Amino acid sequence: MVDTTRGDVPASPDEEPRGCLFALSQPPLMIFLAVVGSLLLMAALHDLFML
């Protein structure tokens, strides 16, 4: 099994851990979420007005 524990060296106080908000701020992820959201919106509008 791979050892994923951190070493004895603590992180420096000026470095903050990167969390979910950092991941959401990445452009490829935002483009993907926008495309998925627009497809869901188009499907919902199609169901509402065309069916």
PDB file of N, CA and C in Angstrom:
ATOM      1  N   MET A   1       0.843  -1.175   0.000  1.00  0.00           N
ATOM      2  CA  MET A   1       0.000   0.000   0.000  1.00  0.00           C
ATOM      3  C   MET A   1       0.889   1.240   0.000  1.00  0.00           C
ATOM      4  N   VAL A   2       0.454   2.266  -0.672  1.00  0.00           N
ATOM      5  CA  VAL A   2       1.243   3.480  -0.796  1.00  0.00           C
ATOM      6  C   VAL A   2       1.102   4.307   0.470  1.00  0.00           C
ATOM      7  N   ASP A   3       2.230   4.813   0.962  1.00  0.00           N
ATOM      8  CA  ASP A   3       2.219   5.644   2.156  1.00  0.00           C
ATOM      9  C   ASP A   3       1.864   7.067   1.765  1.00  0.00           C
ATOM     10  N   THR A   4       0.700   7.552   2.202  1.00  0.00           N
ATOM     11  CA  THR A   4       0.256   8.895   1.834  1.00  0.00           C
ATOM     12  C   THR A   4       0.355   9.879   2.987  1.00  0.00           C
ATOM     13  N   THR A   5       1.003   9.491   4.091  1.00  0.00           N
ATOM     14  CA  THR A   5       1.154  10.411   5.215  1.00  0.00           C
ATOM     15  C   THR A   5       2.190  11.459   4.869  1.00  0.00           C
ATOM     16  N   ARG A   6       2.026  12.615   5.497  1.00  0.00           N
ATOM     17  CA  ARG A   6       2.981  13.690   5.259  1.00  0.00           C
ATOM     18  C   ARG A   6       4.218  13.480   6.120  1.00  0.00           C
ATOM     19  N   GLY A   7       5.309  14.033   5.678  1.00  0.00           N
ATOM     20  CA  GLY A   7       6.552  13.914   6.429  1.00  0.00           C
ATOM     21  C   GLY A   7       6.528  14.766   7.685  1.00  0.00           C
ATOM     22  N   ASP A   8       7.673  14.838   8.350  1.00  0.00           N
ATOM     23  CA  ASP A   8       7.775  15.596   9.588  1.00  0.00           C
ATOM     24  C   ASP A   8       7.905  17.095   9.340  1.00  0.00           C
ATOM     25  N   VAL A   9       8.096  17.495   8.092  1.00  0.00           N
ATOM     26  CA  VAL A   9       8.282  18.912   7.788  1.00  0.00           C
ATOM     27  C   VAL A   9       6.909  19.578   7.697  1.00  0.00           C
ATOM     28  N   PRO A  10       6.611  20.524   8.611  1.00  0.00           N
ATOM     29  CA  PRO A  10       5.313  21.197   8.542  1.00  0.00           C
ATOM     30  C   PRO A  10       5.280  22.197   7.385  1.00  0.00           C
ATOM     31  N   ALA A  11       4.091  22.459   6.895  1.00  0.00           N
ATOM     32  CA  ALA A  11       3.948  23.430   5.813  1.00  0.00           C
ATOM     33  C   ALA A  11       4.264  24.816   6.355  1.00  0.00           C
ATOM     34  N   SER A  12       4.822  25.648   5.499  1.00  0.00           N
ATOM     35  CA  SER A  12       5.143  27.004   5.938  1.00  0.00           C
ATOM     36  C   SER A  12       3.851  27.780   6.180  1.00  0.00           C
ATOM     37  N   PRO A  13       3.859  28.721   7.120  1.00  0.00           N
ATOM     38  CA  PRO A  13       2.614  29.410   7.479  1.00  0.00           C
ATOM     39  C   PRO A  13       2.040  30.278   6.361  1.00  0.00           C
ATOM     40  N   ASP A  14       2.872  30.681   5.381  1.00  0.00           N
ATOM     41  CA  ASP A  14       2.342  31.534   4.315  1.00  0.00           C
ATOM     42  C   ASP A  14       1.683  30.718   3.204  1.00  0.00           C
ATOM     43  N   GLU A  15       1.816  29.398   3.210  1.00  0.00           N
ATOM     44  CA  GLU A  15       1.154  28.561   2.212  1.00  0.00           C
ATOM     45  C   GLU A  15      -0.139  28.005   2.775  1.00  0.00           C
ATOM     46  N   GLU A  16      -1.235  28.290   2.092  1.00  0.00           N
ATOM     47  CA  GLU A  16      -2.521  27.753   2.518  1.00  0.00           C
ATOM     48  C   GLU A  16      -2.810  26.486   1.723  1.00  0.00           C
ATOM     49  N   PRO A  17      -3.471  25.501   2.338  1.00  0.00           N
ATOM     50  CA  PRO A  17      -3.833  24.303   1.583  1.00  0.00           C
ATOM     51  C   PRO A  17      -4.860  24.633   0.520  1.00  0.00           C
ATOM     52  N   ARG A  18      -4.707  24.023  -0.637  1.00  0.00           N
ATOM     53  CA  ARG A  18      -5.631  24.272  -1.738  1.00  0.00           C
ATOM     54  C   ARG A  18      -6.814  23.341  -1.598  1.00  0.00           C
ATOM     55  N   GLY A  19      -8.002  23.908  -1.623  1.00  0.00           N
ATOM     56  CA  GLY A  19      -9.193  23.107  -1.408  1.00  0.00           C
ATOM     57  C   GLY A  19     -10.117  23.137  -2.605  1.00  0.00           C
ATOM     58  N   CYS A  20     -11.387  23.002  -2.317  1.00  0.00           N
ATOM     59  CA  CYS A  20     -12.400  22.875  -3.359  1.00  0.00           C
ATOM     60  C   CYS A  20     -12.532  24.162  -4.169  1.00  0.00           C
ATOM     61  N   LEU A  21     -12.439  25.320  -3.514  1.00  0.00           N
ATOM     62  CA  LEU A  21     -12.599  26.573  -4.248  1.00  0.00           C
ATOM     63  C   LEU A  21     -11.472  26.782  -5.233  1.00  0.00           C
ATOM     64  N   PHE A  22     -10.268  26.310  -4.905  1.00  0.00           N
ATOM     65  CA  PHE A  22      -9.173  26.404  -5.865  1.00  0.00           C
ATOM     66  C   PHE A  22      -9.452  25.529  -7.080  1.00  0.00           C
ATOM     67  N   ALA A  23     -10.002  24.335  -6.842  1.00  0.00           N
ATOM     68  CA  ALA A  23     -10.310  23.444  -7.957  1.00  0.00           C
ATOM     69  C   ALA A  23     -11.409  24.027  -8.837  1.00  0.00           C
ATOM     70  N   LEU A  24     -12.408  24.668  -8.227  1.00  0.00           N
ATOM     71  CA  LEU A  24     -13.503  25.242  -9.008  1.00  0.00           C
ATOM     72  C   LEU A  24     -13.072  26.466  -9.796  1.00  0.00           C
ATOM     73  N   SER A  25     -11.950  27.074  -9.425  1.00  0.00           N
ATOM     74  CA  SER A  25     -11.510  28.278 -10.126  1.00  0.00           C
ATOM     75  C   SER A  25     -10.708  27.956 -11.384  1.00  0.00           C
ATOM     76  N   GLN A  26     -10.486  26.690 -11.664  1.00  0.00           N
ATOM     77  CA  GLN A  26      -9.697  26.322 -12.834  1.00  0.00           C
ATOM     78  C   GLN A  26     -10.525  26.460 -14.107  1.00  0.00           C
ATOM     79  N   PRO A  27      -9.997  27.081 -15.161  1.00  0.00           N
ATOM     80  CA  PRO A  27     -10.774  27.319 -16.381  1.00  0.00           C
ATOM     81  C   PRO A  27     -11.313  26.059 -17.061  1.00  0.00           C
ATOM     82  N   PRO A  28     -10.557  24.964 -17.194  1.00  0.00           N
ATOM     83  CA  PRO A  28     -11.144  23.793 -17.858  1.00  0.00           C
ATOM     84  C   PRO A  28     -12.356  23.239 -17.125  1.00  0.00           C
ATOM     85  N   LEU A  29     -12.312  23.237 -15.803  1.00  0.00           N
ATOM     86  CA  LEU A  29     -13.452  22.749 -15.041  1.00  0.00           C
ATOM     87  C   LEU A  29     -14.643  23.673 -15.194  1.00  0.00           C
ATOM     88  N   MET A  30     -14.402  24.980 -15.209  1.00  0.00           N
ATOM     89  CA  MET A  30     -15.506  25.930 -15.356  1.00  0.00           C
ATOM     90  C   MET A  30     -16.128  25.814 -16.743  1.00  0.00           C
ATOM     91  N   ILE A  31     -15.318  25.583 -17.772  1.00  0.00           N
ATOM     92  CA  ILE A  31     -15.861  25.403 -19.127  1.00  0.00           C
ATOM     93  C   ILE A  31     -16.699  24.134 -19.178  1.00  0.00           C
ATOM     94  N   PHE A  32     -16.212  23.058 -18.580  1.00  0.00           N
ATOM     95  CA  PHE A  32     -16.960  21.807 -18.549  1.00  0.00           C
ATOM     96  C   PHE A  32     -18.285  21.978 -17.827  1.00  0.00           C
ATOM     97  N   LEU A  33     -18.267  22.626 -16.665  1.00  0.00           N
ATOM     98  CA  LEU A  33     -19.501  22.833 -15.915  1.00  0.00           C
ATOM     99  C   LEU A  33     -20.469  23.738 -16.664  1.00  0.00           C
ATOM    100  N   ALA A  34     -19.962  24.722 -17.399  1.00  0.00           N
ATOM    101  CA  ALA A  34     -20.833  25.600 -18.188  1.00  0.00           C
ATOM    102  C   ALA A  34     -21.481  24.825 -19.330  1.00  0.00           C
ATOM    103  N   VAL A  35     -20.735  23.947 -19.980  1.00  0.00           N
ATOM    104  CA  VAL A  35     -21.296  23.147 -21.078  1.00  0.00           C
ATOM    105  C   VAL A  35     -22.364  22.195 -20.537  1.00  0.00           C
ATOM    106  N   VAL A  36     -22.087  21.525 -19.438  1.00  0.00           N
ATOM    107  CA  VAL A  36     -23.063  20.607 -18.855  1.00  0.00           C
ATOM    108  C   VAL A  36     -24.306  21.376 -18.402  1.00  0.00           C
ATOM    109  N   GLY A  37     -24.109  22.523 -17.783  1.00  0.00           N
ATOM    110  CA  GLY A  37     -25.236  23.339 -17.345  1.00  0.00           C
ATOM    111  C   GLY A  37     -26.082  23.830 -18.499  1.00  0.00           C
ATOM    112  N   SER A  38     -25.439  24.231 -19.597  1.00  0.00           N
ATOM    113  CA  SER A  38     -26.212  24.699 -20.751  1.00  0.00           C
ATOM    114  C   SER A  38     -26.975  23.547 -21.408  1.00  0.00           C
ATOM    115  N   LEU A  39     -26.389  22.359 -21.430  1.00  0.00           N
ATOM    116  CA  LEU A  39     -27.119  21.212 -21.974  1.00  0.00           C
ATOM    117  C   LEU A  39     -28.333  20.863 -21.115  1.00  0.00           C
ATOM    118  N   LEU A  40     -28.168  20.923 -19.800  1.00  0.00           N
ATOM    119  CA  LEU A  40     -29.300  20.679 -18.916  1.00  0.00           C
ATOM    120  C   LEU A  40     -30.382  21.749 -19.084  1.00  0.00           C
ATOM    121  N   LEU A  41     -29.965  22.992 -19.254  1.00  0.00           N
ATOM    122  CA  LEU A  41     -30.922  24.074 -19.460  1.00  0.00           C
ATOM    123  C   LEU A  41     -31.675  23.898 -20.773  1.00  0.00           C
ATOM    124  N   MET A  42     -30.968  23.529 -21.837  1.00  0.00           N
ATOM    125  CA  MET A  42     -31.635  23.319 -23.125  1.00  0.00           C
ATOM    126  C   MET A  42     -32.601  22.144 -23.045  1.00  0.00           C
ATOM    127  N   ALA A  43     -32.230  21.088 -22.341  1.00  0.00           N
ATOM    128  CA  ALA A  43     -33.128  19.947 -22.190  1.00  0.00           C
ATOM    129  C   ALA A  43     -34.364  20.329 -21.380  1.00  0.00           C
ATOM    130  N   ALA A  44     -34.185  21.124 -20.342  1.00  0.00           N
ATOM    131  CA  ALA A  44     -35.325  21.550 -19.536  1.00  0.00           C
ATOM    132  C   ALA A  44     -36.254  22.452 -20.332  1.00  0.00           C
ATOM    133  N   LEU A  45     -35.698  23.365 -21.108  1.00  0.00           N
ATOM    134  CA  LEU A  45     -36.536  24.254 -21.922  1.00  0.00           C
ATOM    135  C   LEU A  45     -37.255  23.466 -23.012  1.00  0.00           C
ATOM    136  N   HIS A  46     -36.601  22.476 -23.570  1.00  0.00           N
ATOM    137  CA  HIS A  46     -37.238  21.629 -24.580  1.00  0.00           C
ATOM    138  C   HIS A  46     -38.424  20.880 -23.966  1.00  0.00           C
ATOM    139  N   ASP A  47     -38.225  20.346 -22.762  1.00  0.00           N
ATOM    140  CA  ASP A  47     -39.321  19.638 -22.094  1.00  0.00           C
ATOM    141  C   ASP A  47     -40.484  20.564 -21.766  1.00  0.00           C
ATOM    142  N   LEU A  48     -40.148  21.793 -21.385  1.00  0.00           N
ATOM    143  CA  LEU A  48     -41.200  22.726 -20.991  1.00  0.00           C
ATOM    144  C   LEU A  48     -42.017  23.217 -22.180  1.00  0.00           C
ATOM    145  N   PHE A  49     -41.349  23.571 -23.262  1.00  0.00           N
ATOM    146  CA  PHE A  49     -42.037  24.270 -24.346  1.00  0.00           C
ATOM    147  C   PHE A  49     -42.329  23.418 -25.569  1.00  0.00           C
ATOM    148  N   MET A  50     -41.581  22.348 -25.788  1.00  0.00           N
ATOM    149  CA  MET A  50     -41.768  21.576 -27.014  1.00  0.00           C
ATOM    150  C   MET A  50     -42.615  20.319 -26.793  1.00  0.00           C
ATOM    151  N   LEU A  51     -42.688  19.829 -25.583  1.00  0.00           N
ATOM    152  CA  LEU A  51     -43.450  18.599 -25.354  1.00  0.00           C
ATOM    153  C   LEU A  51     -44.851  18.897 -24.859  1.00  0.00           C
TER     154      LEU A  51
END
